[in-house]
């Protein structure tokens, strides 16, 4: 049975927790950070942030390591580790949107951002500069929106079943003529 370390949910939750802790200093209501692309979440009012998963880009082909089962040494797993760049879109709405977007971008690109995520599922790489992309709501009123993308490295490991062996028994067969005799 195949298993994966650092599932999509664990990676997203680590980033969401980091962002929520950072944004609460600017937006006192900590419930103002939402996951994007969900049908069950209504649009908030005032100042809020929407975090949406983006694109994954493979950095390498993967690295293998092998682990034998301690009980049955003829079975075990092959661990295939892949380094991946994840991108996440952060949309900051409301009057505080520009400031919140700047805080997120600057903190992500700092050693502080790396230190806060040490031991978590992700490592900050870089962030785009915030861009103002206002939207028109259902009442045809413009809402202030600043968007930026955060890029992180995630090292996922997939464990796959692997057979092992301790000894090889070699049998030598008598050579067989592969070509027919010619007249």
N, C-alpha and C. Protein backbone atom coordinates (compact mmCIF):
# COMPACT_ATOMS: atom_id res chain seq x y z
N UNK A 1 0.85 -1.18 0.00
CA UNK A 1 0.00 0.00 0.00
C UNK A 1 0.89 1.24 0.00
N UNK A 2 0.64 2.15 -0.88
CA UNK A 2 1.42 3.38 -0.99
C UNK A 2 0.92 4.41 0.02
N UNK A 3 1.87 5.15 0.60
CA UNK A 3 1.53 6.24 1.52
C UNK A 3 2.34 7.47 1.12
N UNK A 4 1.84 8.63 1.52
CA UNK A 4 2.55 9.88 1.22
C UNK A 4 2.73 10.67 2.50
N UNK A 5 3.94 11.16 2.70
CA UNK A 5 4.20 12.07 3.81
C UNK A 5 3.99 13.49 3.29
N UNK A 6 3.45 14.34 4.11
CA UNK A 6 3.12 15.72 3.74
C UNK A 6 2.03 15.78 2.67
N UNK A 7 0.86 15.40 3.06
CA UNK A 7 -0.29 15.47 2.15
C UNK A 7 -0.61 16.93 1.85
N UNK A 8 -1.43 17.14 0.85
CA UNK A 8 -1.85 18.49 0.45
C UNK A 8 -2.48 19.23 1.63
N UNK A 9 -3.28 18.53 2.43
CA UNK A 9 -3.92 19.17 3.58
C UNK A 9 -2.90 19.65 4.61
N UNK A 10 -1.87 18.84 4.89
CA UNK A 10 -0.85 19.24 5.86
C UNK A 10 -0.08 20.47 5.37
N UNK A 11 0.25 20.49 4.10
CA UNK A 11 0.98 21.62 3.52
C UNK A 11 0.13 22.89 3.60
N UNK A 12 -1.12 22.79 3.17
CA UNK A 12 -2.01 23.95 3.19
C UNK A 12 -2.23 24.44 4.62
N UNK A 13 -2.46 23.51 5.55
CA UNK A 13 -2.70 23.90 6.94
C UNK A 13 -1.51 24.64 7.55
N UNK A 14 -0.28 24.22 7.20
CA UNK A 14 0.92 24.90 7.71
C UNK A 14 0.97 26.34 7.20
N UNK A 15 0.68 26.53 5.91
CA UNK A 15 0.68 27.88 5.35
C UNK A 15 -0.46 28.71 5.92
N UNK A 16 -1.63 28.12 6.06
CA UNK A 16 -2.79 28.83 6.59
C UNK A 16 -2.52 29.30 8.02
N UNK A 17 -1.91 28.44 8.85
CA UNK A 17 -1.60 28.81 10.23
C UNK A 17 -0.60 29.97 10.27
N UNK A 18 0.42 29.91 9.41
CA UNK A 18 1.41 30.99 9.34
C UNK A 18 0.76 32.31 8.94
N UNK A 19 -0.07 32.24 7.90
CA UNK A 19 -0.73 33.44 7.41
C UNK A 19 -1.72 34.00 8.43
N UNK A 20 -2.49 33.14 9.08
CA UNK A 20 -3.46 33.59 10.08
C UNK A 20 -2.77 34.28 11.25
N UNK A 21 -1.65 33.70 11.72
CA UNK A 21 -0.92 34.31 12.83
C UNK A 21 -0.34 35.66 12.44
N UNK A 22 0.07 35.79 11.20
CA UNK A 22 0.65 37.05 10.72
C UNK A 22 -0.42 38.12 10.51
N UNK A 23 -1.55 37.73 9.96
CA UNK A 23 -2.61 38.68 9.59
C UNK A 23 -3.37 39.17 10.81
N UNK A 24 -3.41 38.37 11.88
CA UNK A 24 -4.18 38.77 13.06
C UNK A 24 -3.66 40.07 13.67
N UNK A 25 -2.40 40.43 13.40
CA UNK A 25 -1.88 41.70 13.90
C UNK A 25 -2.50 42.89 13.18
N UNK A 26 -2.94 42.71 11.95
CA UNK A 26 -3.55 43.79 11.17
C UNK A 26 -5.07 43.70 11.16
N UNK A 27 -5.59 42.48 11.10
CA UNK A 27 -7.04 42.27 11.09
C UNK A 27 -7.38 41.56 12.40
N UNK A 28 -7.89 42.28 13.39
CA UNK A 28 -8.11 41.69 14.71
C UNK A 28 -8.98 40.44 14.72
N UNK A 29 -9.94 40.33 13.82
CA UNK A 29 -10.80 39.15 13.78
C UNK A 29 -10.05 38.04 13.04
N UNK A 30 -9.51 37.08 13.79
CA UNK A 30 -8.67 36.04 13.17
C UNK A 30 -9.46 35.10 12.26
N UNK A 31 -10.78 35.18 12.28
CA UNK A 31 -11.59 34.34 11.39
C UNK A 31 -11.69 34.94 10.00
N UNK A 32 -10.87 35.89 9.67
CA UNK A 32 -10.96 36.57 8.40
C UNK A 32 -9.95 36.04 7.38
N UNK A 33 -9.49 34.81 7.55
CA UNK A 33 -8.64 34.15 6.55
C UNK A 33 -9.40 32.94 6.06
N UNK A 34 -9.65 32.88 4.75
CA UNK A 34 -10.47 31.83 4.17
C UNK A 34 -9.69 31.05 3.12
N UNK A 35 -10.08 29.80 2.93
CA UNK A 35 -9.52 28.99 1.85
C UNK A 35 -10.34 29.28 0.60
N UNK A 36 -9.66 29.55 -0.51
CA UNK A 36 -10.34 29.87 -1.76
C UNK A 36 -10.84 28.63 -2.47
N UNK A 37 -11.66 28.84 -3.49
CA UNK A 37 -12.21 27.79 -4.35
C UNK A 37 -13.10 26.80 -3.59
N UNK A 38 -13.89 27.30 -2.66
CA UNK A 38 -14.83 26.44 -1.95
C UNK A 38 -16.23 27.00 -2.14
N UNK A 39 -17.16 26.16 -2.47
CA UNK A 39 -18.53 26.61 -2.69
C UNK A 39 -19.26 26.94 -1.40
N UNK A 40 -18.79 26.40 -0.28
CA UNK A 40 -19.52 26.60 0.97
C UNK A 40 -19.08 27.84 1.74
N UNK A 41 -18.18 28.65 1.19
CA UNK A 41 -17.69 29.84 1.87
C UNK A 41 -18.26 31.08 1.19
N UNK A 42 -19.01 31.85 1.97
CA UNK A 42 -19.58 33.10 1.43
C UNK A 42 -18.50 34.17 1.45
N UNK A 43 -18.65 35.16 0.58
CA UNK A 43 -17.73 36.28 0.56
C UNK A 43 -17.90 37.08 1.83
N UNK A 44 -16.79 37.41 2.46
CA UNK A 44 -16.82 38.19 3.69
C UNK A 44 -16.95 39.67 3.36
N UNK A 45 -17.11 40.47 4.40
CA UNK A 45 -17.13 41.92 4.22
C UNK A 45 -16.00 42.51 5.03
N UNK A 46 -15.61 43.74 4.69
CA UNK A 46 -14.55 44.40 5.42
C UNK A 46 -13.19 43.91 4.97
N UNK A 47 -12.28 43.76 5.91
CA UNK A 47 -10.93 43.32 5.63
C UNK A 47 -10.83 41.82 5.82
N UNK A 48 -10.36 41.13 4.80
CA UNK A 48 -10.19 39.68 4.91
C UNK A 48 -9.19 39.21 3.87
N UNK A 49 -8.74 37.97 4.04
CA UNK A 49 -7.73 37.38 3.16
C UNK A 49 -8.24 36.04 2.68
N UNK A 50 -8.03 35.76 1.39
CA UNK A 50 -8.39 34.47 0.80
C UNK A 50 -7.10 33.81 0.32
N UNK A 51 -6.86 32.58 0.79
CA UNK A 51 -5.68 31.80 0.42
C UNK A 51 -6.12 30.67 -0.49
N UNK A 52 -5.55 30.61 -1.70
CA UNK A 52 -5.95 29.60 -2.68
C UNK A 52 -4.75 28.79 -3.14
N UNK A 53 -4.89 27.45 -3.19
CA UNK A 53 -3.80 26.63 -3.72
C UNK A 53 -3.59 26.93 -5.20
N UNK A 54 -2.36 26.78 -5.64
CA UNK A 54 -2.05 27.08 -7.04
C UNK A 54 -1.43 25.91 -7.76
N UNK A 55 -0.32 26.16 -8.40
CA UNK A 55 0.31 25.17 -9.28
C UNK A 55 1.50 24.53 -8.58
N UNK A 56 1.69 23.24 -8.83
CA UNK A 56 2.86 22.52 -8.34
C UNK A 56 3.82 22.32 -9.51
N UNK A 57 5.11 22.53 -9.26
CA UNK A 57 6.13 22.32 -10.28
C UNK A 57 7.23 21.43 -9.70
N UNK A 58 7.49 20.33 -10.37
CA UNK A 58 8.52 19.40 -9.89
C UNK A 58 9.90 20.03 -10.06
N UNK A 59 10.76 19.90 -9.04
CA UNK A 59 12.12 20.42 -9.11
C UNK A 59 13.12 19.36 -9.55
N UNK A 60 12.83 18.10 -9.27
CA UNK A 60 13.76 17.03 -9.62
C UNK A 60 12.99 15.74 -9.89
N UNK A 61 13.72 14.70 -10.25
CA UNK A 61 13.08 13.43 -10.61
C UNK A 61 12.79 12.55 -9.40
N UNK A 62 13.34 12.86 -8.29
CA UNK A 62 13.09 12.07 -7.10
C UNK A 62 14.33 11.32 -6.65
N UNK A 63 14.37 11.06 -5.36
CA UNK A 63 15.49 10.32 -4.76
C UNK A 63 14.92 9.10 -4.07
N UNK A 64 15.65 8.01 -4.17
CA UNK A 64 15.17 6.76 -3.59
C UNK A 64 16.01 6.37 -2.38
N UNK A 65 15.35 5.79 -1.41
CA UNK A 65 16.01 5.14 -0.28
C UNK A 65 15.17 3.91 0.06
N UNK A 66 15.79 2.93 0.64
CA UNK A 66 15.12 1.67 0.91
C UNK A 66 15.13 1.38 2.40
N UNK A 67 14.02 0.83 2.89
CA UNK A 67 13.91 0.47 4.30
C UNK A 67 13.30 -0.93 4.38
N UNK A 68 14.04 -1.85 5.01
CA UNK A 68 13.51 -3.20 5.21
C UNK A 68 12.60 -3.22 6.42
N UNK A 69 11.64 -4.11 6.37
CA UNK A 69 10.76 -4.35 7.51
C UNK A 69 11.57 -5.06 8.58
N UNK A 70 11.47 -4.62 9.83
CA UNK A 70 12.24 -5.24 10.91
C UNK A 70 11.72 -6.62 11.29
N UNK A 71 10.47 -6.91 11.01
CA UNK A 71 9.89 -8.21 11.34
C UNK A 71 10.10 -9.19 10.20
N UNK A 72 9.80 -8.79 9.00
CA UNK A 72 9.97 -9.64 7.81
C UNK A 72 11.02 -9.00 6.90
N UNK A 73 12.29 -9.47 6.98
CA UNK A 73 13.35 -8.82 6.20
C UNK A 73 13.23 -9.00 4.68
N UNK A 74 12.28 -9.78 4.23
CA UNK A 74 12.09 -9.95 2.79
C UNK A 74 11.11 -8.93 2.21
N UNK A 75 10.55 -8.10 3.08
CA UNK A 75 9.64 -7.04 2.61
C UNK A 75 10.11 -5.70 3.18
N UNK A 76 9.57 -4.66 2.67
CA UNK A 76 9.90 -3.32 3.14
C UNK A 76 9.31 -2.29 2.21
N UNK A 77 9.94 -1.12 2.17
CA UNK A 77 9.44 -0.04 1.32
C UNK A 77 10.60 0.64 0.61
N UNK A 78 10.27 1.20 -0.55
CA UNK A 78 11.18 2.12 -1.23
C UNK A 78 10.56 3.50 -1.03
N UNK A 79 11.34 4.44 -0.51
CA UNK A 79 10.89 5.80 -0.29
C UNK A 79 11.37 6.66 -1.44
N UNK A 80 10.44 7.28 -2.14
CA UNK A 80 10.78 8.16 -3.25
C UNK A 80 10.45 9.59 -2.83
N UNK A 81 11.49 10.42 -2.72
CA UNK A 81 11.32 11.80 -2.29
C UNK A 81 11.38 12.72 -3.51
N UNK A 82 10.41 13.61 -3.59
CA UNK A 82 10.36 14.57 -4.69
C UNK A 82 10.30 15.97 -4.11
N UNK A 83 11.13 16.84 -4.63
CA UNK A 83 11.12 18.25 -4.24
C UNK A 83 10.21 18.99 -5.21
N UNK A 84 9.28 19.74 -4.66
CA UNK A 84 8.25 20.40 -5.46
C UNK A 84 8.14 21.87 -5.06
N UNK A 85 7.95 22.74 -6.06
CA UNK A 85 7.64 24.14 -5.79
C UNK A 85 6.12 24.28 -5.82
N UNK A 86 5.55 24.73 -4.73
CA UNK A 86 4.12 25.00 -4.63
C UNK A 86 3.92 26.50 -4.77
N UNK A 87 2.86 26.91 -5.43
CA UNK A 87 2.50 28.33 -5.44
C UNK A 87 1.11 28.48 -4.83
N UNK A 88 0.95 29.54 -4.07
CA UNK A 88 -0.33 29.85 -3.44
C UNK A 88 -0.68 31.30 -3.74
N UNK A 89 -1.93 31.54 -4.03
CA UNK A 89 -2.40 32.90 -4.30
C UNK A 89 -3.02 33.45 -3.03
N UNK A 90 -2.61 34.66 -2.67
CA UNK A 90 -3.14 35.35 -1.49
C UNK A 90 -3.84 36.61 -1.98
N UNK A 91 -5.14 36.72 -1.70
CA UNK A 91 -5.93 37.89 -2.06
C UNK A 91 -6.28 38.63 -0.78
N UNK A 92 -5.91 39.90 -0.71
CA UNK A 92 -6.16 40.73 0.47
C UNK A 92 -7.21 41.77 0.11
N UNK A 93 -8.34 41.73 0.80
CA UNK A 93 -9.47 42.61 0.48
C UNK A 93 -9.64 43.68 1.57
N UNK A 94 -10.28 44.77 1.18
CA UNK A 94 -10.66 45.81 2.13
C UNK A 94 -9.66 46.95 2.17
N UNK A 95 -9.94 47.90 3.05
CA UNK A 95 -9.08 49.08 3.17
C UNK A 95 -7.67 48.73 3.64
N UNK A 96 -7.55 47.67 4.41
CA UNK A 96 -6.22 47.25 4.89
C UNK A 96 -5.51 46.32 3.91
N UNK A 97 -6.15 46.02 2.79
CA UNK A 97 -5.59 45.10 1.80
C UNK A 97 -4.17 45.40 1.36
N UNK A 98 -3.86 46.67 1.00
CA UNK A 98 -2.50 46.96 0.56
C UNK A 98 -1.45 46.70 1.65
N UNK A 99 -1.77 47.09 2.88
CA UNK A 99 -0.81 46.90 3.97
C UNK A 99 -0.64 45.42 4.31
N UNK A 100 -1.74 44.71 4.35
CA UNK A 100 -1.67 43.27 4.65
C UNK A 100 -0.87 42.55 3.57
N UNK A 101 -1.10 42.87 2.31
CA UNK A 101 -0.36 42.25 1.21
C UNK A 101 1.13 42.53 1.31
N UNK A 102 1.49 43.77 1.65
CA UNK A 102 2.91 44.10 1.81
C UNK A 102 3.53 43.34 2.98
N UNK A 103 2.81 43.27 4.09
CA UNK A 103 3.32 42.55 5.26
C UNK A 103 3.57 41.08 4.91
N UNK A 104 2.62 40.45 4.22
CA UNK A 104 2.75 39.03 3.86
C UNK A 104 3.95 38.84 2.92
N UNK A 105 4.07 39.69 1.90
CA UNK A 105 5.16 39.55 0.93
C UNK A 105 6.53 39.74 1.59
N UNK A 106 6.65 40.76 2.42
CA UNK A 106 7.93 41.04 3.06
C UNK A 106 8.28 39.96 4.07
N UNK A 107 7.31 39.53 4.87
CA UNK A 107 7.57 38.49 5.88
C UNK A 107 7.94 37.16 5.22
N UNK A 108 7.29 36.83 4.09
CA UNK A 108 7.57 35.57 3.40
C UNK A 108 9.01 35.53 2.91
N UNK A 109 9.52 36.67 2.46
CA UNK A 109 10.87 36.73 1.89
C UNK A 109 11.94 37.03 2.95
N UNK A 110 11.63 36.85 4.20
CA UNK A 110 12.59 37.17 5.26
C UNK A 110 13.03 35.89 5.99
N UNK A 111 14.11 36.01 6.73
CA UNK A 111 14.54 34.90 7.56
C UNK A 111 13.51 34.61 8.65
N UNK A 112 12.80 35.65 9.09
CA UNK A 112 11.74 35.46 10.07
C UNK A 112 10.70 34.49 9.55
N UNK A 113 10.31 34.67 8.28
CA UNK A 113 9.33 33.77 7.68
C UNK A 113 9.81 32.33 7.67
N UNK A 114 11.08 32.14 7.35
CA UNK A 114 11.66 30.78 7.35
C UNK A 114 11.71 30.22 8.76
N UNK A 115 12.11 31.06 9.73
CA UNK A 115 12.18 30.59 11.12
C UNK A 115 10.81 30.18 11.65
N UNK A 116 9.78 30.93 11.28
CA UNK A 116 8.43 30.61 11.77
C UNK A 116 7.91 29.30 11.20
N UNK A 117 8.41 28.92 10.03
CA UNK A 117 7.96 27.67 9.39
C UNK A 117 8.95 26.53 9.57
N UNK A 118 10.00 26.75 10.38
CA UNK A 118 10.98 25.69 10.60
C UNK A 118 10.30 24.48 11.21
N UNK A 119 10.56 23.34 10.63
CA UNK A 119 9.94 22.10 11.10
C UNK A 119 8.55 21.87 10.54
N UNK A 120 8.04 22.83 9.77
CA UNK A 120 6.72 22.67 9.16
C UNK A 120 6.86 21.94 7.83
N UNK A 121 5.78 21.82 7.13
CA UNK A 121 5.75 21.08 5.88
C UNK A 121 6.33 21.85 4.71
N UNK A 122 6.55 23.15 4.87
CA UNK A 122 6.96 23.98 3.74
C UNK A 122 8.13 24.89 4.10
N UNK A 123 8.87 25.30 3.08
CA UNK A 123 9.97 26.25 3.23
C UNK A 123 9.73 27.40 2.24
N UNK A 124 9.67 28.64 2.72
CA UNK A 124 9.46 29.76 1.80
C UNK A 124 10.59 29.88 0.78
N UNK A 125 10.22 30.16 -0.47
CA UNK A 125 11.21 30.41 -1.51
C UNK A 125 11.21 31.89 -1.89
N UNK A 126 10.12 32.35 -2.48
CA UNK A 126 10.02 33.76 -2.90
C UNK A 126 8.56 34.13 -3.04
N UNK A 127 8.30 35.41 -3.22
CA UNK A 127 6.93 35.92 -3.38
C UNK A 127 6.91 36.98 -4.46
N UNK A 128 5.81 37.05 -5.19
CA UNK A 128 5.60 38.13 -6.15
C UNK A 128 5.29 39.42 -5.38
N UNK A 129 5.45 40.53 -6.06
CA UNK A 129 5.02 41.80 -5.48
C UNK A 129 3.49 41.87 -5.53
N UNK A 130 2.86 42.46 -4.51
CA UNK A 130 1.40 42.61 -4.55
C UNK A 130 0.95 43.46 -5.74
N UNK A 131 -0.17 43.06 -6.33
CA UNK A 131 -0.73 43.76 -7.48
C UNK A 131 -2.17 44.14 -7.12
N UNK A 132 -2.56 45.38 -7.44
CA UNK A 132 -3.93 45.81 -7.18
C UNK A 132 -4.82 45.32 -8.30
N UNK A 133 -5.82 44.52 -7.94
CA UNK A 133 -6.79 43.96 -8.89
C UNK A 133 -8.18 44.10 -8.30
N UNK A 134 -8.73 45.30 -8.31
CA UNK A 134 -10.04 45.54 -7.73
C UNK A 134 -11.09 44.69 -8.44
N UNK A 135 -12.15 44.37 -7.72
CA UNK A 135 -13.25 43.59 -8.30
C UNK A 135 -14.55 44.35 -8.09
N UNK A 136 -15.53 44.02 -8.92
CA UNK A 136 -16.88 44.57 -8.75
C UNK A 136 -17.72 43.49 -8.09
N UNK A 137 -18.35 43.82 -6.96
CA UNK A 137 -19.15 42.84 -6.23
C UNK A 137 -20.55 42.73 -6.85
N UNK A 138 -21.43 41.97 -6.20
CA UNK A 138 -22.78 41.74 -6.75
C UNK A 138 -23.62 43.01 -6.78
N UNK A 139 -23.25 44.01 -6.00
CA UNK A 139 -23.95 45.30 -6.01
C UNK A 139 -23.30 46.29 -6.96
N UNK A 140 -22.40 45.80 -7.81
CA UNK A 140 -21.64 46.63 -8.76
C UNK A 140 -20.83 47.72 -8.06
N UNK A 141 -20.37 47.42 -6.86
CA UNK A 141 -19.50 48.31 -6.12
C UNK A 141 -18.07 47.75 -6.20
N UNK A 142 -17.11 48.63 -6.42
CA UNK A 142 -15.73 48.17 -6.48
C UNK A 142 -15.20 47.88 -5.09
N UNK A 143 -14.53 46.74 -4.96
CA UNK A 143 -13.88 46.37 -3.72
C UNK A 143 -12.38 46.32 -3.95
N UNK A 144 -11.65 46.86 -2.99
CA UNK A 144 -10.20 46.88 -3.09
C UNK A 144 -9.65 45.48 -2.85
N UNK A 145 -8.76 45.06 -3.76
CA UNK A 145 -8.16 43.72 -3.67
C UNK A 145 -6.70 43.82 -4.10
N UNK A 146 -5.82 43.26 -3.29
CA UNK A 146 -4.41 43.15 -3.64
C UNK A 146 -4.05 41.68 -3.64
N UNK A 147 -3.45 41.23 -4.75
CA UNK A 147 -3.13 39.83 -4.93
C UNK A 147 -1.62 39.66 -5.02
N UNK A 148 -1.13 38.57 -4.41
CA UNK A 148 0.27 38.18 -4.56
C UNK A 148 0.34 36.66 -4.54
N UNK A 149 1.45 36.13 -5.04
CA UNK A 149 1.67 34.68 -5.01
C UNK A 149 2.87 34.39 -4.13
N UNK A 150 2.70 33.37 -3.31
CA UNK A 150 3.79 32.87 -2.47
C UNK A 150 4.27 31.55 -3.05
N UNK A 151 5.58 31.36 -3.09
CA UNK A 151 6.17 30.13 -3.61
C UNK A 151 6.93 29.45 -2.48
N UNK A 152 6.70 28.15 -2.34
CA UNK A 152 7.32 27.37 -1.26
C UNK A 152 7.86 26.06 -1.81
N UNK A 153 8.85 25.53 -1.12
CA UNK A 153 9.36 24.20 -1.46
C UNK A 153 8.75 23.19 -0.49
N UNK A 154 8.27 22.10 -1.06
CA UNK A 154 7.71 21.01 -0.28
C UNK A 154 8.43 19.74 -0.70
N UNK A 155 8.92 19.00 0.27
CA UNK A 155 9.62 17.74 -0.01
C UNK A 155 8.71 16.60 0.43
N UNK A 156 8.05 16.00 -0.56
CA UNK A 156 7.12 14.91 -0.28
C UNK A 156 7.83 13.57 -0.45
N UNK A 157 7.45 12.62 0.38
CA UNK A 157 8.00 11.27 0.30
C UNK A 157 6.85 10.29 0.13
N UNK A 158 6.94 9.47 -0.91
CA UNK A 158 5.96 8.41 -1.15
C UNK A 158 6.63 7.09 -0.81
N UNK A 159 6.00 6.31 0.07
CA UNK A 159 6.51 5.00 0.44
C UNK A 159 5.74 3.94 -0.35
N UNK A 160 6.49 3.12 -1.10
CA UNK A 160 5.90 2.09 -1.95
C UNK A 160 6.40 0.71 -1.50
N UNK A 161 5.57 -0.32 -1.62
CA UNK A 161 6.02 -1.66 -1.20
C UNK A 161 7.22 -2.12 -2.04
N UNK A 162 8.14 -2.82 -1.38
CA UNK A 162 9.35 -3.29 -2.05
C UNK A 162 9.73 -4.65 -1.49
N UNK A 163 10.04 -5.59 -2.38
CA UNK A 163 10.54 -6.90 -1.96
C UNK A 163 12.05 -6.84 -1.83
N UNK A 164 12.59 -7.60 -0.88
CA UNK A 164 14.02 -7.69 -0.66
C UNK A 164 14.43 -9.16 -0.69
N UNK A 165 15.74 -9.42 -0.79
CA UNK A 165 16.24 -10.78 -0.69
C UNK A 165 17.60 -10.77 -0.02
N UNK A 166 17.94 -11.92 0.61
CA UNK A 166 19.21 -12.04 1.32
C UNK A 166 20.23 -12.86 0.56
N UNK A 167 19.75 -13.79 -0.24
CA UNK A 167 20.68 -14.68 -0.94
C UNK A 167 20.15 -14.93 -2.34
N UNK A 168 21.09 -15.25 -3.22
CA UNK A 168 20.73 -15.54 -4.61
C UNK A 168 21.25 -16.93 -4.93
N UNK A 169 20.39 -17.73 -5.52
CA UNK A 169 20.80 -19.05 -5.96
C UNK A 169 20.93 -19.00 -7.47
N UNK A 170 22.13 -19.29 -7.98
CA UNK A 170 22.40 -19.18 -9.40
C UNK A 170 22.41 -20.58 -10.01
N UNK A 171 21.68 -20.74 -11.11
CA UNK A 171 21.66 -22.00 -11.87
C UNK A 171 22.26 -21.71 -13.24
N UNK A 172 23.24 -22.53 -13.63
CA UNK A 172 23.84 -22.37 -14.95
C UNK A 172 23.22 -23.42 -15.85
N UNK A 173 22.65 -22.98 -16.93
CA UNK A 173 22.02 -23.88 -17.89
C UNK A 173 23.01 -24.17 -19.01
N UNK A 174 22.87 -25.34 -19.56
CA UNK A 174 23.70 -25.71 -20.69
C UNK A 174 23.35 -24.79 -21.85
N UNK A 175 24.37 -24.28 -22.54
CA UNK A 175 24.06 -23.40 -23.67
C UNK A 175 23.22 -24.10 -24.73
N UNK A 176 22.37 -23.38 -25.31
CA UNK A 176 21.50 -23.91 -26.35
C UNK A 176 21.88 -23.26 -27.66
N UNK A 177 21.94 -24.07 -28.72
CA UNK A 177 22.21 -23.49 -30.03
C UNK A 177 21.02 -22.62 -30.41
N UNK A 178 21.35 -21.42 -30.77
CA UNK A 178 20.29 -20.50 -31.13
C UNK A 178 20.08 -20.45 -32.63
N UNK A 179 21.07 -20.95 -33.39
CA UNK A 179 20.97 -20.90 -34.85
C UNK A 179 20.89 -22.31 -35.39
N UNK A 180 20.05 -22.54 -36.35
CA UNK A 180 19.98 -23.90 -36.92
C UNK A 180 21.25 -24.20 -37.73
N UNK A 181 21.53 -25.46 -37.82
CA UNK A 181 22.68 -25.86 -38.63
C UNK A 181 22.40 -25.54 -40.09
N UNK A 182 23.41 -25.02 -40.76
CA UNK A 182 23.26 -24.71 -42.19
C UNK A 182 23.82 -25.85 -43.00
N UNK A 183 23.23 -26.16 -44.17
CA UNK A 183 23.73 -27.28 -44.99
C UNK A 183 25.06 -26.99 -45.60
